[in-house]
Amino acid sequence: MLLEILSTLSAGLFAGAAIYVNLVEHAARMECGTGVAVTEFAPSYRRGAVMQGTLGAIGFLSATAAWLKGSSFWWLSGGIVLLAVIPFTLVVIFPTNKQLLDPSLDKNSELAVKLLIRWGRLHAVRSILGLVSFLIFIILLGTFGVEINSINAAPNNFVSGERRIAPFLTGVVQRGLRVAARAT
């Protein structure tokens, strides 16, 4: 149970921080003007990358360990959703980060504005993935007692909470992909 709680805590902290960045920090950064927003982006990004990368890795590893120790496959699934943030960041968001961090970027240019707007939209996908992972884990924690009884009674049965995860996850991932497609 400790691994499941660690997974849930990591995903919750990740999701909360990512959502905070989208709804508060990036919005406030944009209100300060493009030049200030680009200048503030570098130290914020540097600190956020360390924290978010660590939380994503801990959440994935603890969820995987929980699954390997006999917890439901959905723990691994939630961990994979959380882990997906890392390659998404490296493959999809990193080119925008690199441009925003480029010292030759005119901090008050139209390009800088477009990059900051694109970054906010792409980061929203990270927030969605973190939230989906957290919700999967919360649903699983809510059905944990049922899961134990279900495994003892009939090992091949899915828990009712688990049946709700697949359609929920499919819908959220589809919405996240639409947001990412519009941002690029």
N, C-alpha and C. Protein backbone atom coordinates (compact mmCIF):
# COMPACT_ATOMS: atom_id res chain seq x y z
N MET A 1 0.82 -1.20 0.00
CA MET A 1 0.00 0.00 0.00
C MET A 1 0.87 1.26 0.00
N LEU A 2 2.07 1.17 0.56
CA LEU A 2 2.95 2.32 0.61
C LEU A 2 3.34 2.79 -0.80
N LEU A 3 3.61 1.85 -1.70
CA LEU A 3 3.97 2.21 -3.08
C LEU A 3 2.81 2.90 -3.79
N GLU A 4 1.60 2.43 -3.54
CA GLU A 4 0.43 3.04 -4.16
C GLU A 4 0.22 4.47 -3.65
N ILE A 5 0.44 4.66 -2.37
CA ILE A 5 0.30 6.01 -1.80
C ILE A 5 1.39 6.93 -2.34
N LEU A 6 2.61 6.43 -2.47
CA LEU A 6 3.71 7.23 -3.02
C LEU A 6 3.41 7.61 -4.48
N SER A 7 2.88 6.68 -5.25
CA SER A 7 2.51 6.97 -6.65
C SER A 7 1.46 8.07 -6.70
N THR A 8 0.45 7.93 -5.86
CA THR A 8 -0.65 8.89 -5.83
C THR A 8 -0.15 10.27 -5.38
N LEU A 9 0.67 10.29 -4.36
CA LEU A 9 1.22 11.56 -3.88
C LEU A 9 2.07 12.23 -4.95
N SER A 10 2.93 11.48 -5.61
CA SER A 10 3.79 12.03 -6.66
C SER A 10 2.95 12.58 -7.81
N ALA A 11 1.96 11.82 -8.24
CA ALA A 11 1.10 12.27 -9.34
C ALA A 11 0.29 13.50 -8.93
N GLY A 12 -0.19 13.52 -7.70
CA GLY A 12 -0.96 14.67 -7.22
C GLY A 12 -0.12 15.93 -7.14
N LEU A 13 1.09 15.80 -6.62
CA LEU A 13 1.99 16.95 -6.57
C LEU A 13 2.37 17.41 -7.97
N PHE A 14 2.64 16.45 -8.85
CA PHE A 14 2.97 16.80 -10.23
C PHE A 14 1.82 17.55 -10.89
N ALA A 15 0.62 16.98 -10.78
CA ALA A 15 -0.55 17.60 -11.41
C ALA A 15 -0.83 18.98 -10.82
N GLY A 16 -0.77 19.09 -9.50
CA GLY A 16 -1.01 20.38 -8.86
C GLY A 16 -0.02 21.44 -9.30
N ALA A 17 1.26 21.06 -9.36
CA ALA A 17 2.28 22.02 -9.79
C ALA A 17 2.08 22.40 -11.25
N ALA A 18 1.81 21.43 -12.10
CA ALA A 18 1.63 21.71 -13.52
C ALA A 18 0.42 22.60 -13.76
N ILE A 19 -0.67 22.32 -13.07
CA ILE A 19 -1.88 23.13 -13.22
C ILE A 19 -1.63 24.54 -12.68
N TYR A 20 -0.92 24.65 -11.58
CA TYR A 20 -0.55 25.96 -11.04
C TYR A 20 0.24 26.76 -12.07
N VAL A 21 1.19 26.11 -12.71
CA VAL A 21 1.99 26.81 -13.72
C VAL A 21 1.08 27.34 -14.83
N ASN A 22 0.16 26.51 -15.30
CA ASN A 22 -0.73 26.96 -16.38
C ASN A 22 -1.68 28.06 -15.95
N LEU A 23 -2.33 27.87 -14.82
CA LEU A 23 -3.39 28.80 -14.42
C LEU A 23 -2.89 30.06 -13.71
N VAL A 24 -1.73 29.97 -13.06
CA VAL A 24 -1.27 31.10 -12.26
C VAL A 24 0.06 31.66 -12.78
N GLU A 25 1.10 30.84 -12.72
CA GLU A 25 2.44 31.37 -13.03
C GLU A 25 2.57 31.86 -14.46
N HIS A 26 2.19 31.03 -15.43
CA HIS A 26 2.35 31.44 -16.83
C HIS A 26 1.41 32.59 -17.16
N ALA A 27 0.22 32.57 -16.62
CA ALA A 27 -0.73 33.67 -16.85
C ALA A 27 -0.17 34.98 -16.29
N ALA A 28 0.39 34.93 -15.08
CA ALA A 28 0.98 36.13 -14.47
C ALA A 28 2.19 36.58 -15.27
N ARG A 29 3.00 35.62 -15.71
CA ARG A 29 4.18 35.93 -16.52
C ARG A 29 3.77 36.69 -17.77
N MET A 30 2.70 36.24 -18.41
CA MET A 30 2.22 36.88 -19.65
C MET A 30 1.68 38.29 -19.39
N GLU A 31 1.09 38.51 -18.22
CA GLU A 31 0.57 39.84 -17.88
C GLU A 31 1.67 40.88 -17.68
N CYS A 32 2.88 40.43 -17.42
CA CYS A 32 4.00 41.35 -17.16
C CYS A 32 4.64 41.89 -18.43
N GLY A 33 4.17 41.44 -19.55
CA GLY A 33 4.76 41.87 -20.82
C GLY A 33 5.70 40.79 -21.35
N THR A 34 5.88 40.78 -22.66
CA THR A 34 6.65 39.73 -23.30
C THR A 34 8.10 39.70 -22.84
N GLY A 35 8.74 40.87 -22.75
CA GLY A 35 10.15 40.91 -22.34
C GLY A 35 10.37 40.31 -20.97
N VAL A 36 9.55 40.67 -20.03
CA VAL A 36 9.66 40.13 -18.67
C VAL A 36 9.31 38.64 -18.67
N ALA A 37 8.29 38.27 -19.44
CA ALA A 37 7.87 36.87 -19.49
C ALA A 37 9.00 35.97 -20.00
N VAL A 38 9.67 36.40 -21.07
CA VAL A 38 10.77 35.61 -21.62
C VAL A 38 11.93 35.56 -20.62
N THR A 39 12.22 36.67 -19.97
CA THR A 39 13.31 36.72 -18.99
C THR A 39 13.03 35.81 -17.81
N GLU A 40 11.80 35.81 -17.32
CA GLU A 40 11.42 35.00 -16.16
C GLU A 40 11.32 33.52 -16.52
N PHE A 41 11.11 33.22 -17.79
CA PHE A 41 10.92 31.84 -18.23
C PHE A 41 12.13 30.96 -17.87
N ALA A 42 13.34 31.46 -18.11
CA ALA A 42 14.55 30.64 -17.92
C ALA A 42 14.71 30.11 -16.49
N PRO A 43 14.70 30.96 -15.46
CA PRO A 43 14.87 30.40 -14.12
C PRO A 43 13.67 29.55 -13.68
N SER A 44 12.49 29.93 -14.10
CA SER A 44 11.31 29.15 -13.77
C SER A 44 11.37 27.77 -14.40
N TYR A 45 11.74 27.72 -15.66
CA TYR A 45 11.84 26.46 -16.38
C TYR A 45 12.90 25.56 -15.74
N ARG A 46 14.04 26.12 -15.42
CA ARG A 46 15.14 25.34 -14.84
C ARG A 46 14.70 24.67 -13.53
N ARG A 47 14.05 25.44 -12.68
CA ARG A 47 13.61 24.88 -11.39
C ARG A 47 12.46 23.89 -11.56
N GLY A 48 11.52 24.26 -12.42
CA GLY A 48 10.36 23.39 -12.63
C GLY A 48 10.73 22.06 -13.26
N ALA A 49 11.70 22.07 -14.17
CA ALA A 49 12.10 20.84 -14.83
C ALA A 49 12.64 19.81 -13.84
N VAL A 50 13.42 20.27 -12.89
CA VAL A 50 13.98 19.36 -11.88
C VAL A 50 12.86 18.77 -11.02
N MET A 51 11.99 19.64 -10.53
CA MET A 51 10.92 19.17 -9.65
C MET A 51 9.97 18.23 -10.39
N GLN A 52 9.50 18.65 -11.56
CA GLN A 52 8.51 17.86 -12.28
C GLN A 52 9.11 16.54 -12.80
N GLY A 53 10.35 16.59 -13.26
CA GLY A 53 10.99 15.35 -13.71
C GLY A 53 11.14 14.35 -12.59
N THR A 54 11.52 14.84 -11.42
CA THR A 54 11.67 13.97 -10.25
C THR A 54 10.33 13.36 -9.84
N LEU A 55 9.30 14.19 -9.77
CA LEU A 55 7.97 13.68 -9.38
C LEU A 55 7.45 12.67 -10.40
N GLY A 56 7.64 12.94 -11.68
CA GLY A 56 7.20 12.00 -12.72
C GLY A 56 7.91 10.66 -12.61
N ALA A 57 9.22 10.71 -12.40
CA ALA A 57 10.00 9.47 -12.27
C ALA A 57 9.61 8.69 -11.02
N ILE A 58 9.47 9.38 -9.88
CA ILE A 58 9.08 8.70 -8.64
C ILE A 58 7.69 8.08 -8.78
N GLY A 59 6.77 8.83 -9.36
CA GLY A 59 5.41 8.31 -9.54
C GLY A 59 5.39 7.08 -10.43
N PHE A 60 6.12 7.12 -11.52
CA PHE A 60 6.17 5.97 -12.43
C PHE A 60 6.83 4.77 -11.76
N LEU A 61 7.99 5.00 -11.14
CA LEU A 61 8.72 3.88 -10.53
C LEU A 61 7.94 3.24 -9.39
N SER A 62 7.29 4.05 -8.56
CA SER A 62 6.53 3.46 -7.46
C SER A 62 5.28 2.74 -7.97
N ALA A 63 4.65 3.27 -9.01
CA ALA A 63 3.49 2.59 -9.58
C ALA A 63 3.91 1.26 -10.22
N THR A 64 5.04 1.28 -10.91
CA THR A 64 5.54 0.05 -11.53
C THR A 64 5.90 -0.98 -10.45
N ALA A 65 6.54 -0.53 -9.39
CA ALA A 65 6.89 -1.45 -8.30
C ALA A 65 5.62 -2.02 -7.66
N ALA A 66 4.60 -1.19 -7.49
CA ALA A 66 3.33 -1.67 -6.92
C ALA A 66 2.74 -2.76 -7.81
N TRP A 67 2.76 -2.53 -9.11
CA TRP A 67 2.22 -3.51 -10.06
C TRP A 67 3.05 -4.81 -10.00
N LEU A 68 4.35 -4.68 -9.97
CA LEU A 68 5.21 -5.86 -9.91
C LEU A 68 5.00 -6.66 -8.62
N LYS A 69 4.58 -5.97 -7.56
CA LYS A 69 4.32 -6.65 -6.29
C LYS A 69 2.89 -7.20 -6.20
N GLY A 70 2.12 -7.08 -7.29
CA GLY A 70 0.81 -7.71 -7.32
C GLY A 70 -0.39 -6.79 -7.39
N SER A 71 -0.17 -5.49 -7.40
CA SER A 71 -1.32 -4.58 -7.54
C SER A 71 -1.83 -4.62 -8.98
N SER A 72 -2.99 -4.06 -9.17
CA SER A 72 -3.66 -4.07 -10.46
C SER A 72 -2.80 -3.48 -11.58
N PHE A 73 -3.04 -3.95 -12.79
CA PHE A 73 -2.38 -3.42 -13.99
C PHE A 73 -2.62 -1.92 -14.13
N TRP A 74 -3.73 -1.43 -13.58
CA TRP A 74 -4.05 -0.01 -13.70
C TRP A 74 -3.05 0.87 -12.97
N TRP A 75 -2.36 0.33 -11.97
CA TRP A 75 -1.29 1.11 -11.32
C TRP A 75 -0.17 1.35 -12.32
N LEU A 76 0.18 0.32 -13.06
CA LEU A 76 1.20 0.49 -14.10
C LEU A 76 0.70 1.47 -15.17
N SER A 77 -0.56 1.37 -15.53
CA SER A 77 -1.13 2.27 -16.54
C SER A 77 -1.06 3.73 -16.10
N GLY A 78 -1.43 3.99 -14.86
CA GLY A 78 -1.34 5.35 -14.33
C GLY A 78 0.09 5.85 -14.30
N GLY A 79 1.01 4.96 -13.97
CA GLY A 79 2.43 5.32 -13.98
C GLY A 79 2.93 5.64 -15.38
N ILE A 80 2.47 4.88 -16.36
CA ILE A 80 2.87 5.13 -17.75
C ILE A 80 2.32 6.47 -18.23
N VAL A 81 1.09 6.78 -17.85
CA VAL A 81 0.52 8.09 -18.22
C VAL A 81 1.39 9.21 -17.63
N LEU A 82 1.79 9.05 -16.38
CA LEU A 82 2.64 10.06 -15.75
C LEU A 82 4.01 10.11 -16.42
N LEU A 83 4.57 8.96 -16.73
CA LEU A 83 5.86 8.91 -17.41
C LEU A 83 5.79 9.54 -18.80
N ALA A 84 4.65 9.45 -19.46
CA ALA A 84 4.49 9.99 -20.81
C ALA A 84 4.81 11.48 -20.88
N VAL A 85 4.72 12.15 -19.75
CA VAL A 85 5.03 13.58 -19.69
C VAL A 85 6.49 13.82 -20.08
N ILE A 86 7.38 12.92 -19.70
CA ILE A 86 8.81 13.13 -19.95
C ILE A 86 9.13 13.10 -21.45
N PRO A 87 8.76 12.04 -22.18
CA PRO A 87 9.04 12.09 -23.63
C PRO A 87 8.26 13.18 -24.34
N PHE A 88 7.04 13.46 -23.88
CA PHE A 88 6.27 14.56 -24.49
C PHE A 88 7.03 15.87 -24.34
N THR A 89 7.59 16.09 -23.18
CA THR A 89 8.36 17.31 -22.94
C THR A 89 9.61 17.34 -23.84
N LEU A 90 10.33 16.24 -23.88
CA LEU A 90 11.58 16.20 -24.63
C LEU A 90 11.36 16.29 -26.14
N VAL A 91 10.31 15.67 -26.64
CA VAL A 91 10.08 15.62 -28.09
C VAL A 91 9.24 16.80 -28.58
N VAL A 92 8.18 17.13 -27.85
CA VAL A 92 7.22 18.12 -28.35
C VAL A 92 7.48 19.53 -27.79
N ILE A 93 7.72 19.64 -26.50
CA ILE A 93 7.86 20.97 -25.88
C ILE A 93 9.29 21.50 -25.99
N PHE A 94 10.28 20.62 -25.95
CA PHE A 94 11.67 21.08 -25.91
C PHE A 94 12.05 22.03 -27.04
N PRO A 95 11.61 21.81 -28.28
CA PRO A 95 11.97 22.78 -29.33
C PRO A 95 11.48 24.21 -29.01
N THR A 96 10.31 24.32 -28.41
CA THR A 96 9.80 25.64 -28.01
C THR A 96 10.62 26.18 -26.86
N ASN A 97 10.96 25.32 -25.88
CA ASN A 97 11.81 25.74 -24.75
C ASN A 97 13.14 26.27 -25.27
N LYS A 98 13.73 25.53 -26.20
CA LYS A 98 15.04 25.90 -26.73
C LYS A 98 14.98 27.28 -27.38
N GLN A 99 13.92 27.55 -28.12
CA GLN A 99 13.78 28.87 -28.75
C GLN A 99 13.58 29.96 -27.70
N LEU A 100 12.78 29.68 -26.68
CA LEU A 100 12.56 30.67 -25.63
C LEU A 100 13.83 30.95 -24.82
N LEU A 101 14.69 29.96 -24.70
CA LEU A 101 15.92 30.11 -23.93
C LEU A 101 17.09 30.64 -24.78
N ASP A 102 16.89 30.76 -26.06
CA ASP A 102 17.94 31.24 -26.97
C ASP A 102 18.26 32.71 -26.68
N PRO A 103 19.50 33.02 -26.34
CA PRO A 103 19.86 34.42 -26.02
C PRO A 103 19.66 35.38 -27.19
N SER A 104 19.64 34.86 -28.41
CA SER A 104 19.47 35.76 -29.57
C SER A 104 18.00 36.10 -29.84
N LEU A 105 17.07 35.48 -29.09
CA LEU A 105 15.65 35.79 -29.27
C LEU A 105 15.37 37.22 -28.85
N ASP A 106 14.71 37.98 -29.72
CA ASP A 106 14.27 39.33 -29.36
C ASP A 106 13.11 39.16 -28.37
N LYS A 107 13.35 39.54 -27.13
CA LYS A 107 12.39 39.30 -26.05
C LYS A 107 11.07 40.05 -26.22
N ASN A 108 11.02 41.02 -27.07
CA ASN A 108 9.79 41.79 -27.28
C ASN A 108 9.20 41.56 -28.66
N SER A 109 9.62 40.51 -29.33
CA SER A 109 9.17 40.25 -30.70
C SER A 109 7.84 39.50 -30.74
N GLU A 110 7.25 39.51 -31.92
CA GLU A 110 6.02 38.74 -32.15
C GLU A 110 6.31 37.24 -32.01
N LEU A 111 7.51 36.83 -32.43
CA LEU A 111 7.91 35.43 -32.28
C LEU A 111 7.91 35.02 -30.81
N ALA A 112 8.44 35.88 -29.95
CA ALA A 112 8.46 35.58 -28.51
C ALA A 112 7.05 35.40 -27.97
N VAL A 113 6.12 36.26 -28.40
CA VAL A 113 4.72 36.13 -27.97
C VAL A 113 4.16 34.79 -28.42
N LYS A 114 4.38 34.44 -29.68
CA LYS A 114 3.86 33.17 -30.21
C LYS A 114 4.46 31.97 -29.49
N LEU A 115 5.75 32.04 -29.20
CA LEU A 115 6.40 30.94 -28.48
C LEU A 115 5.83 30.78 -27.07
N LEU A 116 5.62 31.89 -26.38
CA LEU A 116 5.06 31.81 -25.03
C LEU A 116 3.63 31.26 -25.05
N ILE A 117 2.84 31.67 -26.01
CA ILE A 117 1.46 31.15 -26.13
C ILE A 117 1.50 29.66 -26.44
N ARG A 118 2.35 29.26 -27.39
CA ARG A 118 2.47 27.83 -27.74
C ARG A 118 2.93 27.04 -26.52
N TRP A 119 3.91 27.57 -25.79
CA TRP A 119 4.41 26.86 -24.62
C TRP A 119 3.29 26.63 -23.60
N GLY A 120 2.46 27.65 -23.37
CA GLY A 120 1.35 27.50 -22.42
C GLY A 120 0.38 26.41 -22.84
N ARG A 121 0.08 26.35 -24.13
CA ARG A 121 -0.84 25.30 -24.63
C ARG A 121 -0.22 23.92 -24.51
N LEU A 122 1.04 23.81 -24.89
CA LEU A 122 1.71 22.51 -24.79
C LEU A 122 1.85 22.07 -23.33
N HIS A 123 2.14 23.01 -22.46
CA HIS A 123 2.26 22.67 -21.04
C HIS A 123 0.91 22.21 -20.48
N ALA A 124 -0.18 22.69 -21.04
CA ALA A 124 -1.51 22.23 -20.61
C ALA A 124 -1.66 20.73 -20.82
N VAL A 125 -1.03 20.18 -21.85
CA VAL A 125 -1.07 18.73 -22.08
C VAL A 125 -0.36 18.02 -20.92
N ARG A 126 0.76 18.57 -20.47
CA ARG A 126 1.45 18.00 -19.30
C ARG A 126 0.53 18.02 -18.08
N SER A 127 -0.18 19.12 -17.91
CA SER A 127 -1.11 19.23 -16.78
C SER A 127 -2.20 18.18 -16.87
N ILE A 128 -2.72 17.98 -18.07
CA ILE A 128 -3.79 16.98 -18.28
C ILE A 128 -3.27 15.58 -18.00
N LEU A 129 -2.10 15.25 -18.51
CA LEU A 129 -1.54 13.92 -18.27
C LEU A 129 -1.30 13.68 -16.78
N GLY A 130 -0.76 14.67 -16.09
CA GLY A 130 -0.55 14.54 -14.65
C GLY A 130 -1.86 14.34 -13.91
N LEU A 131 -2.88 15.11 -14.30
CA LEU A 131 -4.18 14.99 -13.66
C LEU A 131 -4.82 13.63 -13.94
N VAL A 132 -4.71 13.14 -15.16
CA VAL A 132 -5.26 11.82 -15.49
C VAL A 132 -4.59 10.74 -14.64
N SER A 133 -3.27 10.80 -14.54
CA SER A 133 -2.56 9.83 -13.71
C SER A 133 -3.03 9.89 -12.27
N PHE A 134 -3.13 11.11 -11.74
CA PHE A 134 -3.58 11.29 -10.36
C PHE A 134 -4.99 10.73 -10.16
N LEU A 135 -5.89 11.00 -11.08
CA LEU A 135 -7.27 10.52 -10.96
C LEU A 135 -7.33 9.00 -11.04
N ILE A 136 -6.52 8.40 -11.91
CA ILE A 136 -6.46 6.93 -11.97
C ILE A 136 -6.06 6.40 -10.61
N PHE A 137 -5.03 6.98 -10.03
CA PHE A 137 -4.55 6.50 -8.73
C PHE A 137 -5.58 6.73 -7.62
N ILE A 138 -6.26 7.85 -7.65
CA ILE A 138 -7.30 8.13 -6.64
C ILE A 138 -8.43 7.11 -6.76
N ILE A 139 -8.86 6.84 -7.99
CA ILE A 139 -9.91 5.84 -8.20
C ILE A 139 -9.45 4.49 -7.66
N LEU A 140 -8.20 4.13 -7.95
CA LEU A 140 -7.68 2.85 -7.47
C LEU A 140 -7.57 2.80 -5.96
N LEU A 141 -7.13 3.89 -5.35
CA LEU A 141 -7.06 3.91 -3.88
C LEU A 141 -8.46 3.77 -3.29
N GLY A 142 -9.44 4.37 -3.93
CA GLY A 142 -10.82 4.29 -3.46
C GLY A 142 -11.39 2.89 -3.56
N THR A 143 -10.85 2.10 -4.47
CA THR A 143 -11.33 0.73 -4.64
C THR A 143 -10.33 -0.29 -4.12
N PHE A 144 -9.31 0.17 -3.39
CA PHE A 144 -8.24 -0.73 -2.96
C PHE A 144 -8.77 -1.88 -2.11
N GLY A 145 -9.63 -1.58 -1.16
CA GLY A 145 -10.19 -2.65 -0.32
C GLY A 145 -11.01 -3.62 -1.12
N VAL A 146 -11.78 -3.10 -2.08
CA VAL A 146 -12.57 -3.96 -2.96
C VAL A 146 -11.64 -4.80 -3.82
N GLU A 147 -10.54 -4.19 -4.28
CA GLU A 147 -9.58 -4.90 -5.13
C GLU A 147 -9.00 -6.11 -4.40
N ILE A 148 -8.63 -5.94 -3.16
CA ILE A 148 -8.06 -7.05 -2.39
C ILE A 148 -9.10 -8.17 -2.26
N ASN A 149 -10.33 -7.81 -1.91
CA ASN A 149 -11.39 -8.83 -1.77
C ASN A 149 -11.69 -9.48 -3.11
N SER A 150 -11.69 -8.70 -4.18
CA SER A 150 -11.98 -9.23 -5.51
C SER A 150 -10.90 -10.21 -5.95
N ILE A 151 -9.65 -9.89 -5.67
CA ILE A 151 -8.55 -10.78 -6.06
C ILE A 151 -8.66 -12.10 -5.30
N ASN A 152 -9.02 -12.02 -4.02
CA ASN A 152 -9.15 -13.24 -3.23
C ASN A 152 -10.32 -14.09 -3.71
N ALA A 153 -11.40 -13.44 -4.14
CA ALA A 153 -12.60 -14.17 -4.53
C ALA A 153 -12.51 -14.68 -5.97
N ALA A 154 -12.09 -13.81 -6.89
CA ALA A 154 -12.06 -14.19 -8.30
C ALA A 154 -10.94 -13.40 -8.99
N PRO A 155 -9.78 -13.99 -9.15
CA PRO A 155 -8.61 -13.27 -9.65
C PRO A 155 -8.78 -12.61 -11.01
N ASN A 156 -9.68 -13.09 -11.85
CA ASN A 156 -9.82 -12.53 -13.20
C ASN A 156 -10.85 -11.41 -13.29
N ASN A 157 -11.52 -11.08 -12.22
CA ASN A 157 -12.52 -10.02 -12.26
C ASN A 157 -11.87 -8.65 -12.16
N PHE A 158 -12.46 -7.69 -12.90
CA PHE A 158 -12.04 -6.29 -12.75
C PHE A 158 -12.86 -5.66 -11.65
N VAL A 159 -12.24 -4.76 -10.92
CA VAL A 159 -12.93 -4.00 -9.89
C VAL A 159 -13.79 -2.96 -10.58
N SER A 160 -14.95 -2.63 -10.00
CA SER A 160 -15.84 -1.66 -10.64
C SER A 160 -15.14 -0.33 -10.90
N GLY A 161 -14.27 0.11 -10.00
CA GLY A 161 -13.53 1.35 -10.22
C GLY A 161 -12.61 1.25 -11.42
N GLU A 162 -12.05 0.06 -11.63
CA GLU A 162 -11.17 -0.14 -12.78
C GLU A 162 -11.94 -0.06 -14.09
N ARG A 163 -13.17 -0.51 -14.11
CA ARG A 163 -13.98 -0.44 -15.33
C ARG A 163 -14.23 0.99 -15.75
N ARG A 164 -14.23 1.91 -14.80
CA ARG A 164 -14.47 3.32 -15.12
C ARG A 164 -13.23 4.00 -15.67
N ILE A 165 -12.07 3.44 -15.45
CA ILE A 165 -10.83 4.11 -15.83
C ILE A 165 -10.63 4.13 -17.34
N ALA A 166 -10.84 3.01 -18.03
CA ALA A 166 -10.54 2.94 -19.47
C ALA A 166 -11.30 3.97 -20.29
N PRO A 167 -12.63 4.09 -20.16
CA PRO A 167 -13.31 5.11 -20.96
C PRO A 167 -12.91 6.53 -20.55
N PHE A 168 -12.70 6.72 -19.27
CA PHE A 168 -12.27 8.04 -18.78
C PHE A 168 -10.92 8.40 -19.39
N LEU A 169 -9.98 7.48 -19.30
CA LEU A 169 -8.63 7.71 -19.81
C LEU A 169 -8.65 7.96 -21.32
N THR A 170 -9.40 7.19 -22.05
CA THR A 170 -9.48 7.36 -23.50
C THR A 170 -9.99 8.75 -23.86
N GLY A 171 -11.04 9.20 -23.21
CA GLY A 171 -11.59 10.53 -23.50
C GLY A 171 -10.62 11.65 -23.17
N VAL A 172 -9.96 11.55 -22.04
CA VAL A 172 -9.03 12.62 -21.64
C VAL A 172 -7.82 12.66 -22.55
N VAL A 173 -7.29 11.49 -22.92
CA VAL A 173 -6.13 11.46 -23.80
C VAL A 173 -6.50 12.04 -25.17
N GLN A 174 -7.68 11.71 -25.67
CA GLN A 174 -8.12 12.26 -26.96
C GLN A 174 -8.21 13.79 -26.88
N ARG A 175 -8.75 14.32 -25.79
CA ARG A 175 -8.82 15.79 -25.64
C ARG A 175 -7.43 16.40 -25.55
N GLY A 176 -6.55 15.76 -24.83
CA GLY A 176 -5.17 16.25 -24.71
C GLY A 176 -4.45 16.28 -26.04
N LEU A 177 -4.67 15.24 -26.86
CA LEU A 177 -4.04 15.22 -28.18
C LEU A 177 -4.59 16.33 -29.08
N ARG A 178 -5.89 16.63 -28.95
CA ARG A 178 -6.45 17.74 -29.74
C ARG A 178 -5.83 19.06 -29.32
N VAL A 179 -5.63 19.26 -28.01
CA VAL A 179 -5.00 20.49 -27.52
C VAL A 179 -3.57 20.58 -28.07
N ALA A 180 -2.84 19.48 -28.03
CA ALA A 180 -1.45 19.48 -28.52
C ALA A 180 -1.41 19.77 -30.00
N ALA A 181 -2.34 19.21 -30.76
CA ALA A 181 -2.35 19.42 -32.20
C ALA A 181 -2.62 20.89 -32.52
N ARG A 182 -3.50 21.53 -31.76
CA ARG A 182 -3.79 22.95 -32.00
C ARG A 182 -2.61 23.84 -31.61
N ALA A 183 -1.80 23.39 -30.67
CA ALA A 183 -0.71 24.22 -30.18
C ALA A 183 0.50 24.20 -31.11
N THR A 184 0.63 23.15 -31.89
CA THR A 184 1.83 23.04 -32.75
C THR A 184 1.60 23.62 -34.12
